[in-house]
Each structure stands twice: as C-alpha cells, then as structure tokens.
Amino acid sequence: MSGRLVAITGASGFVGSYLLSHLRDAALPVVGITRDGVAGTRAVGDLALEPRWHDCLKGVGTVVHCAAVAHKPLDGSDEARSLVNRVNFDAVKRLAEACLVSGVKRLLFLSTVKVYGESTSGRSPFAEGDALDPEDDYGASKARAEAALKELIGQGLEVCCLRLPLVYGPGAKANFRRLQTLATAPIPLPLGAIKNRRSVLALSNLAEVVAGMLALDEWPVTELNVADPEPVSVPDLVRMLASAQGNRARLFPVPVWLLRGVAGLFGRQAMLERVAGSLEVSTARCADVLPQTHLDSTHLCVQRLYR
C-alpha cells in the first residue's frame, strides 16, 4: 500500500468527507486528514498555526488537498485576511514541502475559478491559459498557492490544480443554500428576465474527476477547469431546485438594468452580480484529459439531491 495510499485533507468538511467516502466505496486505499483526527483520520492540527504535515504523510503516494478557508471578502478585517492567507497559502506551501521530504509523489490541489476573476459577462468562458486576475482574498490566496506549487514541479512532486466553480451536493451551505431557500420561497422572485451562464459543479461529478485523475499514470496538465457539462442560468437553477422538491418556482421578469440600479442604491452590486452575471469556464481540456470520465447534467444531479 505504501506509495499507493491517497490522503484527503479536510476530510471532515463538505467536499473532503464526500471524496473520502467516494474513494473508499471505489475500494481505493485512502486515509483522511483532519484537524483533530476524528473518525480514524490522521490529525494535522490547526492549519493556521503549525500543521503537522509530516506526521500525516507516512506511506502516502498522493494527496488531494481540500482543506481551505473559503470566500472571505476583500473588505474583511485584517484578522480574516491573515487567516485566509495562512490557511490557503502558507499551509499549502508547507504541505508541498512536506510532500517532497516524505516521498509523496503527487498533489491534487482543489483551487477555484475565482483565480480568473468574478465575471465572464461580455466575454468568452475562462480557459486554463487565461491570465489570472482574482478579485477577493479567497481567489488571491488560491492563485498564490497555485504559483507556489508549480515552482516545485521538477523537484519530484507532480502537481495539478483543479479550478472549481460553485460546488453543490448533500450538505451544501453558503450560496447554494441560499438558492435552495429562494427556490421554495412563498413570494414571487424578480429573476425571470435573467439570462446568464454560470458554471456549477456537483460533488458527484467532482468525485468522478478526482478518481479519474488518480487513475492516470501521469498528469499531462498542471491546471484543469472542472464543472458540470453545461452552464446554467440562475433562474433555471432555481427552477431545477424547486422542481426537485416538488414545487414550482415563482419567478417574474424585471429588467436586469433595473435590478442593477436597485442593487446599486443599497450597495448590493456584488451580490446581484452573483445572481445576474455570468461566470463560465471552459471544460474542453478536462474532456480531453479524462475522455472516459462521464459527468452527469446539473438537472440530473439536482434531482438526486432530493431522492
């Protein structure tokens, strides 16, 4: 098992716990890494302080790094900004250095499409060769971590950064939870005129991509966009969520320019952009790298959530 063992960091979190379970079900040799070593996982300690990576990497051949602090705003406190950088950059750099010392051969890093920026409104979807231009601390910390990891390529550590959009699945929180609430709201929503395109990613599809990457003898790329096969509009996603729960979404059309004006009056431009703007990534490279990996449609994945 030495050299074949896969370690999942953040194994008690939303993404990490799902991946750990999925890989175990696929009969892969896998171990979880968590802060406190719960449920038979290996304890790494607080990533914001002095994580004990070396203790967790014995016998490990590949690390899938899921642990992170997500979505802290640029206008947050100095303490919040420091926490994001310590967990999402410093701890990742120390993990990579520990991998080199411990003989770990591969590191699959879960990054974010936010390294590109916040919007593809009026432009083509983000592709892997595009310049990085993150607009918040979360995206910036992930971009810095990607750069640090790539500096180690050629020193004995194979690296690939998976750039993920909004991830949804059982137990999803934050933005997806808010969409679930909107979908079953008893009042009509003024979203019917929105015709945007946003990439999203089901946990089950992410797990298929991770398993596909682990099955490759070599990774032919260092970064890869991962998303459901087709982007969706926010109104269509709300309709999918409502239908999956046996309801009908109550949407009526309001011109987007009017929504933007109202949002501007209340300082909610960024929130409206997440609802009305586009954020789409090209997944052509992922299809080329993993031609045998089948990803289900967003509609099917949403239906599964409520079965």
Protein backbone atom coordinates (compact mmCIF):
# COMPACT_ATOMS: atom_id res chain seq x y z
CA MET A 1 0.00 0.00 0.00
CA SER A 2 2.95 2.33 0.52
CA GLY A 3 3.11 4.79 -2.33
CA ARG A 4 -0.46 3.98 -3.38
CA LEU A 5 -2.20 5.43 -0.34
CA VAL A 6 -4.28 8.53 -1.11
CA ALA A 7 -4.66 11.16 1.63
CA ILE A 8 -7.65 13.54 1.65
CA THR A 9 -7.14 16.74 3.62
CA GLY A 10 -10.15 18.50 5.08
CA ALA A 11 -11.74 15.05 5.34
CA SER A 12 -14.44 16.20 7.77
CA GLY A 13 -15.54 19.07 5.53
CA PHE A 14 -18.22 19.34 2.85
CA VAL A 15 -16.01 18.34 -0.08
CA GLY A 16 -13.37 16.27 1.69
CA SER A 17 -15.81 13.98 3.51
CA TYR A 18 -17.64 13.22 0.27
CA LEU A 19 -14.42 12.44 -1.60
CA LEU A 20 -13.20 10.22 1.24
CA SER A 21 -16.43 8.22 1.17
CA HIS A 22 -16.49 8.02 -2.64
CA LEU A 23 -12.92 6.73 -2.91
CA ARG A 24 -13.50 4.21 -0.13
CA ASP A 25 -16.57 2.94 -1.95
CA ALA A 26 -14.37 2.56 -5.04
CA ALA A 27 -12.05 0.33 -2.96
CA LEU A 28 -9.10 2.73 -3.24
CA PRO A 29 -6.57 2.83 -0.38
CA VAL A 30 -7.42 6.16 1.21
CA VAL A 31 -6.98 7.95 4.52
CA GLY A 32 -8.45 11.20 5.79
CA ILE A 33 -6.54 14.10 7.33
CA THR A 34 -8.42 16.37 9.72
CA ARG A 35 -7.63 18.93 12.35
CA ASP A 36 -8.36 16.66 15.31
CA GLY A 37 -8.01 13.15 13.86
CA VAL A 38 -11.71 12.30 14.22
CA ALA A 39 -13.23 9.03 13.00
CA GLY A 40 -9.94 7.28 12.31
CA THR A 41 -8.37 10.14 10.34
CA ARG A 42 -4.86 11.49 10.87
CA ALA A 43 -4.58 14.65 12.99
CA VAL A 44 -2.75 17.58 11.39
CA GLY A 45 -3.66 20.31 13.89
CA ASP A 46 -4.66 23.87 13.08
CA LEU A 47 -3.65 24.79 9.52
CA ALA A 48 -3.49 28.44 10.54
CA LEU A 49 -0.75 27.69 13.08
CA GLU A 50 1.80 24.86 12.76
CA PRO A 51 0.23 21.95 10.86
CA ARG A 52 1.93 18.61 11.42
CA TRP A 53 2.05 17.52 7.80
CA HIS A 54 4.99 15.14 8.15
CA ASP A 55 3.13 13.04 10.73
CA CYS A 56 0.20 12.62 8.34
CA LEU A 57 2.06 11.65 5.17
CA LYS A 58 3.60 8.31 6.12
CA GLY A 59 3.04 5.81 3.31
CA VAL A 60 1.12 8.34 1.22
CA GLY A 61 1.67 8.49 -2.52
CA THR A 62 -0.92 11.14 -3.46
CA VAL A 63 -2.51 13.99 -1.54
CA VAL A 64 -5.86 15.50 -2.52
CA HIS A 65 -5.86 18.86 -0.76
CA CYS A 66 -9.40 20.02 0.03
CA ALA A 67 -8.87 21.92 3.27
CA ALA A 68 -9.32 25.69 2.93
CA VAL A 69 -10.92 28.82 4.30
CA ALA A 70 -13.41 29.99 1.70
CA HIS A 71 -14.89 33.22 0.42
CA LYS A 72 -13.61 35.88 2.79
CA PRO A 73 -14.22 39.34 1.29
CA LEU A 74 -11.56 41.89 0.39
CA ASP A 75 -13.07 44.39 2.81
CA GLY A 76 -12.86 41.96 5.72
CA SER A 77 -10.83 42.54 8.85
CA ASP A 78 -7.05 42.19 8.97
CA GLU A 79 -7.56 39.09 11.11
CA ALA A 80 -9.80 37.48 8.49
CA ARG A 81 -7.38 38.34 5.70
CA SER A 82 -4.48 36.88 7.70
CA LEU A 83 -6.42 33.67 8.37
CA VAL A 84 -7.22 33.20 4.68
CA ASN A 85 -3.58 33.59 3.69
CA ARG A 86 -2.22 31.39 6.47
CA VAL A 87 -4.59 28.50 5.63
CA ASN A 88 -4.90 28.86 1.86
CA PHE A 89 -1.30 29.80 1.07
CA ASP A 90 1.17 29.24 3.91
CA ALA A 91 -0.24 25.84 4.90
CA VAL A 92 -0.36 24.70 1.26
CA LYS A 93 3.26 25.67 0.71
CA ARG A 94 4.27 23.77 3.86
CA LEU A 95 2.24 20.77 2.68
CA ALA A 96 4.10 20.70 -0.64
CA GLU A 97 7.46 20.95 1.11
CA ALA A 98 6.46 18.12 3.46
CA CYS A 99 5.41 16.04 0.45
CA LEU A 100 8.89 16.39 -1.01
CA VAL A 101 10.54 15.32 2.23
CA SER A 102 8.10 12.47 2.87
CA GLY A 103 8.30 10.98 -0.60
CA VAL A 104 4.77 11.87 -1.69
CA LYS A 105 4.76 11.86 -5.48
CA ARG A 106 1.57 13.71 -6.41
CA LEU A 107 -0.52 16.59 -5.09
CA LEU A 108 -4.01 17.30 -6.44
CA PHE A 109 -4.92 20.80 -5.27
CA LEU A 110 -8.54 21.94 -5.20
CA SER A 111 -8.43 25.55 -6.35
CA THR A 112 -11.18 27.85 -7.63
CA VAL A 113 -12.35 29.52 -10.83
CA LYS A 114 -12.15 32.75 -8.84
CA VAL A 115 -8.42 32.83 -9.63
CA TYR A 116 -9.53 34.14 -13.05
CA GLY A 117 -11.84 36.82 -11.69
CA GLU A 118 -15.53 37.17 -10.89
CA SER A 119 -17.31 37.51 -14.22
CA THR A 120 -17.40 36.36 -17.83
CA SER A 121 -20.25 38.72 -18.74
CA GLY A 122 -19.50 40.05 -22.21
CA ARG A 123 -16.58 37.71 -22.85
CA SER A 124 -15.82 34.06 -23.62
CA PRO A 125 -15.64 31.44 -20.84
CA PHE A 126 -12.47 31.33 -18.77
CA ALA A 127 -9.95 28.79 -20.07
CA GLU A 128 -6.81 27.41 -18.48
CA GLY A 129 -4.46 29.62 -20.48
CA ASP A 130 -6.14 32.87 -19.41
CA ALA A 131 -4.37 35.37 -17.18
CA LEU A 132 -5.28 35.18 -13.50
CA ASP A 133 -6.99 38.23 -12.01
CA PRO A 134 -8.62 37.34 -8.65
CA GLU A 135 -10.79 40.00 -7.05
CA ASP A 136 -11.11 38.78 -3.46
CA ASP A 137 -8.83 37.36 -0.78
CA TYR A 138 -10.04 33.82 -1.33
CA GLY A 139 -9.24 33.85 -5.06
CA ALA A 140 -5.95 35.65 -4.49
CA SER A 141 -4.81 33.16 -1.84
CA LYS A 142 -5.60 30.24 -4.13
CA ALA A 143 -3.72 31.88 -7.03
CA ARG A 144 -0.67 32.38 -4.82
CA ALA A 145 -0.85 28.76 -3.67
CA GLU A 146 -1.04 27.55 -7.28
CA ALA A 147 2.06 29.55 -8.16
CA ALA A 148 3.97 28.20 -5.15
CA LEU A 149 3.06 24.62 -6.02
CA LYS A 150 4.12 24.98 -9.63
CA GLU A 151 7.54 26.22 -8.51
CA LEU A 152 8.13 22.76 -7.05
CA ILE A 153 7.38 20.89 -10.27
CA GLY A 154 10.56 19.19 -11.41
CA GLN A 155 11.74 18.58 -7.86
CA GLY A 156 9.97 15.25 -7.55
CA LEU A 157 6.38 16.37 -6.92
CA GLU A 158 3.71 16.12 -9.61
CA VAL A 159 1.06 18.85 -9.22
CA CYS A 160 -2.34 19.54 -10.76
CA CYS A 161 -4.67 22.36 -9.69
CA LEU A 162 -8.38 21.72 -10.19
CA ARG A 163 -10.21 25.04 -10.63
CA LEU A 164 -13.74 24.64 -9.31
CA PRO A 165 -16.87 26.82 -9.56
CA LEU A 166 -19.71 26.74 -7.02
CA VAL A 167 -19.82 23.16 -5.69
CA TYR A 168 -23.16 21.72 -4.61
CA GLY A 169 -24.32 18.47 -3.10
CA PRO A 170 -25.60 16.98 0.16
CA GLY A 171 -24.97 19.43 2.99
CA ALA A 172 -24.09 22.40 0.75
CA LYS A 173 -24.05 25.76 2.51
CA ALA A 174 -23.46 29.44 1.67
CA ASN A 175 -24.51 30.47 -1.85
CA PHE A 176 -26.12 27.16 -2.82
CA ARG A 177 -28.11 27.01 0.40
CA ARG A 178 -29.43 30.49 -0.36
CA LEU A 179 -30.51 29.34 -3.82
CA GLN A 180 -32.33 26.40 -2.24
CA THR A 181 -34.17 28.83 0.01
CA LEU A 182 -35.06 31.09 -2.94
CA ALA A 183 -36.38 28.12 -4.91
CA THR A 184 -39.03 27.37 -2.28
CA ALA A 185 -39.75 30.98 -1.27
CA PRO A 186 -43.51 31.63 -0.90
CA ILE A 187 -43.19 35.01 -2.63
CA PRO A 188 -42.53 35.72 -6.35
CA LEU A 189 -38.91 36.48 -7.25
CA PRO A 190 -37.91 39.16 -9.80
CA LEU A 191 -35.42 36.89 -11.60
CA GLY A 192 -37.37 35.83 -14.67
CA ALA A 193 -35.55 38.15 -17.12
CA ILE A 194 -32.03 36.99 -16.18
CA LYS A 195 -30.33 35.02 -18.94
CA ASN A 196 -26.84 34.47 -17.58
CA ARG A 197 -24.48 31.49 -17.81
CA ARG A 198 -22.81 30.16 -14.69
CA SER A 199 -20.72 27.04 -14.29
CA VAL A 200 -21.52 24.89 -11.27
CA LEU A 201 -20.19 21.53 -10.10
CA ALA A 202 -21.92 18.60 -8.44
CA LEU A 203 -19.94 16.83 -5.73
CA SER A 204 -20.58 13.56 -7.54
CA ASN A 205 -19.04 14.94 -10.74
CA LEU A 206 -16.04 16.28 -8.82
CA ALA A 207 -15.54 12.84 -7.28
CA GLU A 208 -15.56 11.25 -10.73
CA VAL A 209 -12.89 13.68 -11.94
CA VAL A 210 -10.71 13.11 -8.86
CA ALA A 211 -11.00 9.34 -9.32
CA GLY A 212 -10.14 9.74 -12.99
CA MET A 213 -7.06 11.80 -12.19
CA LEU A 214 -5.90 9.26 -9.61
CA ALA A 215 -6.20 6.51 -12.23
CA LEU A 216 -3.80 8.27 -14.63
CA ASP A 217 -0.17 7.19 -14.57
CA GLU A 218 0.90 10.79 -15.24
CA TRP A 219 -0.91 14.11 -15.18
CA PRO A 220 -0.49 15.82 -18.56
CA VAL A 221 -1.53 19.26 -17.25
CA THR A 222 -0.88 21.41 -14.20
CA GLU A 223 -4.28 23.12 -14.13
CA LEU A 224 -7.75 21.93 -15.07
CA ASN A 225 -11.18 23.56 -15.02
CA VAL A 226 -13.82 21.22 -13.64
CA ALA A 227 -17.58 21.83 -13.93
CA ASP A 228 -20.85 20.17 -14.86
CA PRO A 229 -21.13 19.54 -18.62
CA GLU A 230 -23.16 22.69 -19.38
CA PRO A 231 -23.50 26.04 -17.61
CA VAL A 232 -26.91 27.06 -16.27
CA SER A 233 -28.72 30.33 -15.71
CA VAL A 234 -29.62 31.22 -12.14
CA PRO A 235 -33.37 31.21 -12.93
CA ASP A 236 -33.08 27.74 -14.47
CA LEU A 237 -31.13 26.50 -11.44
CA VAL A 238 -33.86 27.89 -9.15
CA ARG A 239 -36.47 26.09 -11.27
CA MET A 240 -34.48 22.83 -11.05
CA LEU A 241 -34.23 23.13 -7.27
CA ALA A 242 -37.93 23.88 -6.91
CA SER A 243 -38.96 21.02 -9.20
CA ALA A 244 -36.71 18.55 -7.39
CA GLN A 245 -38.51 19.43 -4.16
CA GLY A 246 -41.94 19.05 -5.73
CA ASN A 247 -42.57 22.78 -6.07
CA ARG A 248 -42.85 25.34 -8.84
CA ALA A 249 -40.54 28.36 -8.81
CA ARG A 250 -42.33 31.69 -8.63
CA LEU A 251 -40.37 33.95 -10.99
CA PHE A 252 -41.45 37.12 -12.77
CA PRO A 253 -39.42 39.25 -15.20
CA VAL A 254 -37.81 42.51 -14.13
CA PRO A 255 -35.28 44.14 -16.50
CA VAL A 256 -31.73 43.41 -15.38
CA TRP A 257 -30.79 47.09 -15.73
CA LEU A 258 -33.46 47.92 -13.16
CA LEU A 259 -32.22 45.21 -10.79
CA ARG A 260 -28.69 46.64 -11.11
CA GLY A 261 -29.97 50.13 -10.32
CA VAL A 262 -31.80 49.00 -7.20
CA ALA A 263 -28.80 46.94 -6.08
CA GLY A 264 -26.57 49.98 -6.52
CA LEU A 265 -28.81 52.08 -4.26
CA PHE A 266 -28.35 49.57 -1.46
CA GLY A 267 -24.69 48.73 -2.06
CA ARG A 268 -25.52 45.20 -3.22
CA GLN A 269 -23.82 45.25 -6.63
CA ALA A 270 -21.57 42.27 -5.85
CA MET A 271 -24.50 40.20 -4.63
CA LEU A 272 -26.52 40.97 -7.75
CA GLU A 273 -23.56 40.08 -9.99
CA ARG A 274 -23.54 36.60 -8.45
CA VAL A 275 -27.22 36.27 -9.38
CA ALA A 276 -27.41 38.11 -12.71
CA GLY A 277 -23.86 38.00 -14.07
CA SER A 278 -22.11 35.16 -15.88
CA LEU A 279 -19.20 33.12 -14.57
CA GLU A 280 -18.46 30.32 -17.01
CA VAL A 281 -15.41 28.15 -17.55
CA SER A 282 -14.43 26.01 -20.50
CA THR A 283 -14.15 22.31 -19.66
CA ALA A 284 -12.74 21.25 -23.04
CA ARG A 285 -9.36 20.42 -21.52
CA CYS A 286 -10.96 18.25 -18.84
CA ALA A 287 -12.81 16.27 -21.53
CA ASP A 288 -9.52 15.77 -23.39
CA VAL A 289 -7.58 14.68 -20.29
CA LEU A 290 -10.34 12.35 -19.00
CA PRO A 291 -12.23 11.15 -22.08
CA GLN A 292 -13.60 8.08 -20.29
CA THR A 293 -14.98 10.02 -17.32
CA HIS A 294 -18.73 10.61 -17.55
CA LEU A 295 -20.19 13.66 -15.83
CA ASP A 296 -23.93 13.96 -15.27
CA SER A 297 -26.00 17.02 -16.13
CA THR A 298 -26.82 19.62 -13.49
CA HIS A 299 -30.51 18.73 -13.82
CA LEU A 300 -29.88 15.07 -13.01
CA CYS A 301 -27.52 15.89 -10.14
CA VAL A 302 -30.05 18.30 -8.58
CA GLN A 303 -32.80 15.70 -8.87
CA ARG A 304 -30.60 13.22 -6.99
CA LEU A 305 -30.24 15.63 -4.07
CA TYR A 306 -33.89 15.13 -3.05
CA ARG A 307 -34.41 11.46 -3.81
